[in-house]
Amino acid sequence: QVRLVESGGGLVQPGGSLRLSCTASGSIPSVYYMGWYRQPPGNKREFVASIHSGGRTRYADSLQGRFTISRGNAKNTIYLQMNDLQSEDTAVYFCNFPWDPEPYWGKGTLVTVSQ
């Protein structure tokens, strides 16, 4: 069992930045992926970025360059630095922990980009 807790969402103006955090607790293996997905209003959940416990990262093509995923000193914590946010980045952002047979998900944190 893995529990994920996200934080850091909120309201930001276009062009602004936010940093999301996700902390995992429970039975975490030594080698794993963690990542971020988002679900814009009225749309499906989509991949944002992931990071391997060894440090390898992957991004959605459209977001690379503006978003950066990283790991904290405590390896069960990851961050998503989001820069130059635009209205289309408005979404609920979910932390993801791939697992067999089903991934674990956090409850999500809302990011709203608006004037």
N, C-alpha and C. Protein backbone atom coordinates (compact mmCIF):
# COMPACT_ATOMS: atom_id res chain seq x y z
N GLN A 1 0.84 -1.18 0.00
CA GLN A 1 0.00 0.00 0.00
C GLN A 1 0.88 1.24 0.00
N VAL A 2 0.57 2.17 -0.90
CA VAL A 2 1.30 3.42 -1.01
C VAL A 2 0.30 4.57 -0.92
N ARG A 3 0.61 5.53 -0.10
CA ARG A 3 -0.24 6.73 0.03
C ARG A 3 0.50 7.93 -0.53
N LEU A 4 -0.22 8.71 -1.33
CA LEU A 4 0.37 9.88 -1.98
C LEU A 4 -0.38 11.13 -1.54
N VAL A 5 0.35 12.15 -1.16
CA VAL A 5 -0.26 13.41 -0.76
C VAL A 5 0.38 14.54 -1.54
N GLU A 6 -0.46 15.27 -2.29
CA GLU A 6 0.02 16.40 -3.08
C GLU A 6 -0.24 17.70 -2.34
N SER A 7 0.56 18.70 -2.69
CA SER A 7 0.33 20.05 -2.18
C SER A 7 0.93 21.05 -3.16
N GLY A 8 0.55 22.31 -2.99
CA GLY A 8 1.18 23.37 -3.77
C GLY A 8 0.31 24.00 -4.84
N GLY A 9 -0.88 23.47 -5.06
CA GLY A 9 -1.75 24.07 -6.06
C GLY A 9 -2.30 25.41 -5.59
N GLY A 10 -2.96 26.09 -6.52
CA GLY A 10 -3.54 27.38 -6.18
C GLY A 10 -3.85 28.19 -7.42
N LEU A 11 -4.12 29.46 -7.20
CA LEU A 11 -4.45 30.39 -8.29
C LEU A 11 -3.19 31.18 -8.65
N VAL A 12 -2.91 31.23 -9.93
CA VAL A 12 -1.73 31.97 -10.40
C VAL A 12 -2.10 32.70 -11.68
N GLN A 13 -1.49 33.84 -11.89
CA GLN A 13 -1.75 34.61 -13.11
C GLN A 13 -0.96 34.02 -14.29
N PRO A 14 -1.45 34.24 -15.49
CA PRO A 14 -0.69 33.78 -16.67
C PRO A 14 0.74 34.31 -16.65
N GLY A 15 1.67 33.42 -16.96
CA GLY A 15 3.08 33.77 -16.91
C GLY A 15 3.74 33.47 -15.58
N GLY A 16 2.94 33.13 -14.59
CA GLY A 16 3.46 32.86 -13.27
C GLY A 16 3.99 31.44 -13.11
N SER A 17 4.43 31.13 -11.89
CA SER A 17 5.02 29.84 -11.58
C SER A 17 4.40 29.25 -10.33
N LEU A 18 4.43 27.94 -10.26
CA LEU A 18 4.03 27.20 -9.08
C LEU A 18 4.92 25.99 -8.94
N ARG A 19 5.07 25.52 -7.72
CA ARG A 19 5.77 24.26 -7.49
C ARG A 19 4.85 23.33 -6.70
N LEU A 20 4.60 22.18 -7.28
CA LEU A 20 3.80 21.16 -6.62
C LEU A 20 4.72 20.16 -5.93
N SER A 21 4.22 19.60 -4.83
CA SER A 21 4.94 18.57 -4.10
C SER A 21 4.08 17.34 -3.96
N CYS A 22 4.73 16.20 -3.91
CA CYS A 22 4.04 14.94 -3.65
C CYS A 22 4.94 14.09 -2.75
N THR A 23 4.36 13.63 -1.65
CA THR A 23 5.09 12.77 -0.74
C THR A 23 4.41 11.41 -0.68
N ALA A 24 5.21 10.38 -0.86
CA ALA A 24 4.72 9.01 -0.81
C ALA A 24 5.08 8.39 0.53
N SER A 25 4.17 7.58 1.04
CA SER A 25 4.44 6.84 2.27
C SER A 25 3.88 5.44 2.13
N GLY A 26 4.40 4.54 2.94
CA GLY A 26 3.92 3.16 2.89
C GLY A 26 5.01 2.22 2.42
N SER A 27 4.61 1.18 1.71
CA SER A 27 5.54 0.13 1.26
C SER A 27 6.17 0.52 -0.07
N ILE A 28 7.18 1.35 0.00
CA ILE A 28 7.81 1.87 -1.21
C ILE A 28 9.05 1.04 -1.54
N PRO A 29 9.11 0.47 -2.73
CA PRO A 29 10.29 -0.32 -3.10
C PRO A 29 11.51 0.57 -3.32
N SER A 30 12.67 -0.03 -3.45
CA SER A 30 13.89 0.75 -3.62
C SER A 30 14.02 1.31 -5.03
N VAL A 31 13.39 0.68 -5.99
CA VAL A 31 13.44 1.13 -7.37
C VAL A 31 12.01 1.36 -7.83
N TYR A 32 11.72 2.55 -8.30
CA TYR A 32 10.35 2.87 -8.67
C TYR A 32 10.29 4.14 -9.50
N TYR A 33 9.15 4.34 -10.10
CA TYR A 33 8.82 5.60 -10.76
C TYR A 33 7.78 6.33 -9.92
N MET A 34 7.83 7.65 -10.01
CA MET A 34 6.74 8.49 -9.53
C MET A 34 6.51 9.54 -10.60
N GLY A 35 5.31 10.06 -10.64
CA GLY A 35 5.06 11.03 -11.68
C GLY A 35 3.86 11.91 -11.43
N TRP A 36 3.59 12.75 -12.42
CA TRP A 36 2.47 13.68 -12.37
C TRP A 36 1.60 13.50 -13.61
N TYR A 37 0.31 13.53 -13.37
CA TYR A 37 -0.69 13.60 -14.42
C TYR A 37 -1.56 14.82 -14.11
N ARG A 38 -2.32 15.23 -15.12
CA ARG A 38 -3.27 16.32 -14.87
C ARG A 38 -4.56 16.07 -15.63
N GLN A 39 -5.63 16.65 -15.11
CA GLN A 39 -6.93 16.51 -15.75
C GLN A 39 -7.56 17.89 -15.87
N PRO A 40 -7.51 18.46 -17.08
CA PRO A 40 -8.16 19.76 -17.30
C PRO A 40 -9.67 19.62 -17.19
N PRO A 41 -10.38 20.69 -16.94
CA PRO A 41 -11.85 20.62 -16.83
C PRO A 41 -12.47 20.05 -18.09
N GLY A 42 -13.28 19.02 -17.92
CA GLY A 42 -13.98 18.42 -19.04
C GLY A 42 -13.13 17.55 -19.94
N ASN A 43 -11.90 17.26 -19.53
CA ASN A 43 -11.00 16.46 -20.35
C ASN A 43 -10.48 15.25 -19.61
N LYS A 44 -9.81 14.37 -20.36
CA LYS A 44 -9.27 13.16 -19.76
C LYS A 44 -7.97 13.48 -19.01
N ARG A 45 -7.63 12.59 -18.11
CA ARG A 45 -6.37 12.71 -17.40
C ARG A 45 -5.22 12.46 -18.39
N GLU A 46 -4.17 13.28 -18.29
CA GLU A 46 -3.06 13.17 -19.22
C GLU A 46 -1.73 13.18 -18.49
N PHE A 47 -0.76 12.53 -19.11
CA PHE A 47 0.57 12.43 -18.55
C PHE A 47 1.26 13.78 -18.59
N VAL A 48 1.98 14.10 -17.50
CA VAL A 48 2.76 15.34 -17.44
C VAL A 48 4.25 15.01 -17.42
N ALA A 49 4.68 14.26 -16.40
CA ALA A 49 6.10 13.96 -16.25
C ALA A 49 6.27 12.82 -15.28
N SER A 50 7.42 12.12 -15.38
CA SER A 50 7.75 11.08 -14.43
C SER A 50 9.23 11.11 -14.13
N ILE A 51 9.58 10.51 -12.99
CA ILE A 51 10.97 10.43 -12.59
C ILE A 51 11.23 9.07 -11.97
N HIS A 52 12.35 8.47 -12.35
CA HIS A 52 12.75 7.18 -11.83
C HIS A 52 13.55 7.40 -10.54
N SER A 53 13.55 6.39 -9.67
CA SER A 53 14.30 6.51 -8.43
C SER A 53 15.79 6.74 -8.69
N GLY A 54 16.25 6.35 -9.89
CA GLY A 54 17.64 6.60 -10.27
C GLY A 54 17.87 7.97 -10.87
N GLY A 55 16.76 8.72 -11.08
CA GLY A 55 16.90 10.09 -11.55
C GLY A 55 16.46 10.35 -12.97
N ARG A 56 16.23 9.31 -13.75
CA ARG A 56 15.83 9.51 -15.15
C ARG A 56 14.44 10.13 -15.20
N THR A 57 14.28 11.12 -16.08
CA THR A 57 13.01 11.83 -16.19
C THR A 57 12.41 11.70 -17.58
N ARG A 58 11.11 11.89 -17.63
CA ARG A 58 10.39 11.89 -18.91
C ARG A 58 9.28 12.91 -18.83
N TYR A 59 9.01 13.56 -19.97
CA TYR A 59 8.01 14.63 -20.00
C TYR A 59 7.06 14.45 -21.18
N ALA A 60 5.86 15.00 -21.01
CA ALA A 60 4.99 15.15 -22.15
C ALA A 60 5.67 16.14 -23.10
N ASP A 61 5.65 15.83 -24.39
CA ASP A 61 6.37 16.66 -25.36
C ASP A 61 5.98 18.13 -25.28
N SER A 62 4.72 18.39 -25.07
CA SER A 62 4.23 19.78 -25.10
C SER A 62 4.64 20.58 -23.87
N LEU A 63 5.11 19.90 -22.84
CA LEU A 63 5.40 20.59 -21.58
C LEU A 63 6.89 20.72 -21.29
N GLN A 64 7.69 19.94 -21.99
CA GLN A 64 9.13 20.00 -21.73
C GLN A 64 9.64 21.40 -22.02
N GLY A 65 10.42 21.91 -21.09
CA GLY A 65 10.94 23.27 -21.21
C GLY A 65 10.28 24.23 -20.25
N ARG A 66 9.01 23.98 -19.95
CA ARG A 66 8.31 24.83 -18.97
C ARG A 66 8.15 24.12 -17.63
N PHE A 67 8.04 22.81 -17.66
CA PHE A 67 7.83 22.04 -16.44
C PHE A 67 9.09 21.22 -16.13
N THR A 68 9.42 21.11 -14.86
CA THR A 68 10.58 20.32 -14.43
C THR A 68 10.19 19.45 -13.26
N ILE A 69 10.43 18.15 -13.38
CA ILE A 69 10.17 17.23 -12.29
C ILE A 69 11.49 16.95 -11.60
N SER A 70 11.45 16.86 -10.28
CA SER A 70 12.67 16.60 -9.52
C SER A 70 12.32 15.81 -8.28
N ARG A 71 13.39 15.34 -7.65
CA ARG A 71 13.22 14.54 -6.44
C ARG A 71 13.83 15.30 -5.27
N GLY A 72 13.18 15.21 -4.12
CA GLY A 72 13.71 15.83 -2.93
C GLY A 72 14.83 15.02 -2.31
N ASN A 73 15.43 15.57 -1.26
CA ASN A 73 16.48 14.84 -0.55
C ASN A 73 15.93 13.54 0.02
N ALA A 74 14.70 13.60 0.49
CA ALA A 74 13.99 12.38 0.87
C ALA A 74 13.41 11.81 -0.42
N LYS A 75 13.86 10.65 -0.83
CA LYS A 75 13.52 10.14 -2.16
C LYS A 75 12.05 9.82 -2.33
N ASN A 76 11.27 9.88 -1.26
CA ASN A 76 9.86 9.63 -1.42
C ASN A 76 9.07 10.90 -1.71
N THR A 77 9.78 12.00 -1.98
CA THR A 77 9.13 13.26 -2.31
C THR A 77 9.57 13.72 -3.68
N ILE A 78 8.60 14.10 -4.50
CA ILE A 78 8.91 14.66 -5.80
C ILE A 78 8.26 16.03 -5.93
N TYR A 79 8.79 16.80 -6.87
CA TYR A 79 8.29 18.14 -7.11
C TYR A 79 8.00 18.33 -8.60
N LEU A 80 7.11 19.25 -8.87
CA LEU A 80 6.87 19.66 -10.25
C LEU A 80 6.94 21.18 -10.28
N GLN A 81 8.02 21.70 -10.84
CA GLN A 81 8.16 23.14 -11.01
C GLN A 81 7.52 23.53 -12.33
N MET A 82 6.55 24.43 -12.27
CA MET A 82 5.81 24.82 -13.46
C MET A 82 6.03 26.31 -13.69
N ASN A 83 6.59 26.64 -14.82
CA ASN A 83 6.88 28.04 -15.16
C ASN A 83 6.07 28.49 -16.37
N ASP A 84 5.95 29.80 -16.50
CA ASP A 84 5.22 30.39 -17.61
C ASP A 84 3.86 29.73 -17.79
N LEU A 85 3.13 29.65 -16.71
CA LEU A 85 1.83 28.96 -16.74
C LEU A 85 0.84 29.73 -17.60
N GLN A 86 0.03 28.97 -18.32
CA GLN A 86 -0.98 29.52 -19.19
C GLN A 86 -2.35 28.96 -18.82
N SER A 87 -3.39 29.57 -19.35
CA SER A 87 -4.74 29.16 -18.98
C SER A 87 -4.97 27.68 -19.29
N GLU A 88 -4.35 27.17 -20.33
CA GLU A 88 -4.55 25.76 -20.69
C GLU A 88 -3.88 24.81 -19.71
N ASP A 89 -3.08 25.34 -18.78
CA ASP A 89 -2.48 24.50 -17.74
C ASP A 89 -3.42 24.33 -16.55
N THR A 90 -4.54 25.02 -16.57
CA THR A 90 -5.53 24.85 -15.51
C THR A 90 -6.01 23.41 -15.48
N ALA A 91 -5.88 22.78 -14.31
CA ALA A 91 -6.22 21.36 -14.20
C ALA A 91 -6.06 20.93 -12.74
N VAL A 92 -6.59 19.76 -12.46
CA VAL A 92 -6.25 19.08 -11.21
C VAL A 92 -5.01 18.23 -11.51
N TYR A 93 -3.99 18.41 -10.72
CA TYR A 93 -2.73 17.69 -10.90
C TYR A 93 -2.66 16.56 -9.89
N PHE A 94 -2.41 15.35 -10.40
CA PHE A 94 -2.40 14.15 -9.59
C PHE A 94 -1.00 13.55 -9.55
N CYS A 95 -0.61 13.13 -8.38
CA CYS A 95 0.63 12.37 -8.23
C CYS A 95 0.32 10.90 -8.53
N ASN A 96 1.26 10.24 -9.19
CA ASN A 96 1.06 8.87 -9.65
C ASN A 96 2.21 7.99 -9.22
N PHE A 97 1.88 6.77 -8.78
CA PHE A 97 2.89 5.79 -8.39
C PHE A 97 2.53 4.49 -9.09
N PRO A 98 3.20 4.19 -10.20
CA PRO A 98 2.86 2.96 -10.92
C PRO A 98 3.03 1.73 -10.05
N TRP A 99 2.06 0.82 -10.19
CA TRP A 99 2.06 -0.39 -9.36
C TRP A 99 1.30 -1.47 -10.11
N ASP A 100 1.57 -2.69 -9.77
CA ASP A 100 0.88 -3.82 -10.38
C ASP A 100 -0.10 -4.41 -9.38
N PRO A 101 -1.40 -4.53 -9.69
CA PRO A 101 -2.02 -4.34 -11.01
C PRO A 101 -2.53 -2.94 -11.29
N GLU A 102 -2.64 -2.10 -10.28
CA GLU A 102 -3.19 -0.76 -10.49
C GLU A 102 -2.27 0.28 -9.87
N PRO A 103 -2.10 1.42 -10.54
CA PRO A 103 -1.27 2.47 -9.96
C PRO A 103 -1.96 3.10 -8.76
N TYR A 104 -1.16 3.70 -7.91
CA TYR A 104 -1.69 4.50 -6.83
C TYR A 104 -1.79 5.96 -7.30
N TRP A 105 -2.81 6.64 -6.79
CA TRP A 105 -3.03 8.04 -7.13
C TRP A 105 -3.23 8.86 -5.86
N GLY A 106 -2.75 10.09 -5.91
CA GLY A 106 -3.12 11.03 -4.87
C GLY A 106 -4.50 11.59 -5.16
N LYS A 107 -4.98 12.43 -4.25
CA LYS A 107 -6.32 13.00 -4.41
C LYS A 107 -6.31 14.20 -5.36
N GLY A 108 -5.13 14.72 -5.65
CA GLY A 108 -5.01 15.81 -6.60
C GLY A 108 -4.95 17.18 -5.93
N THR A 109 -4.35 18.11 -6.66
CA THR A 109 -4.30 19.49 -6.21
C THR A 109 -4.65 20.38 -7.41
N LEU A 110 -5.52 21.35 -7.17
CA LEU A 110 -6.05 22.17 -8.25
C LEU A 110 -5.11 23.33 -8.55
N VAL A 111 -4.79 23.47 -9.82
CA VAL A 111 -4.02 24.62 -10.31
C VAL A 111 -4.92 25.41 -11.24
N THR A 112 -5.13 26.67 -10.92
CA THR A 112 -5.95 27.54 -11.74
C THR A 112 -5.10 28.70 -12.24
N VAL A 113 -5.04 28.85 -13.55
CA VAL A 113 -4.27 29.93 -14.15
C VAL A 113 -5.27 30.93 -14.72
N SER A 114 -5.34 32.10 -14.10
CA SER A 114 -6.34 33.08 -14.50
C SER A 114 -5.93 34.46 -14.03
N GLN A 115 -6.44 35.48 -14.77
CA GLN A 115 -6.24 36.85 -14.34
C GLN A 115 -7.14 37.15 -13.14
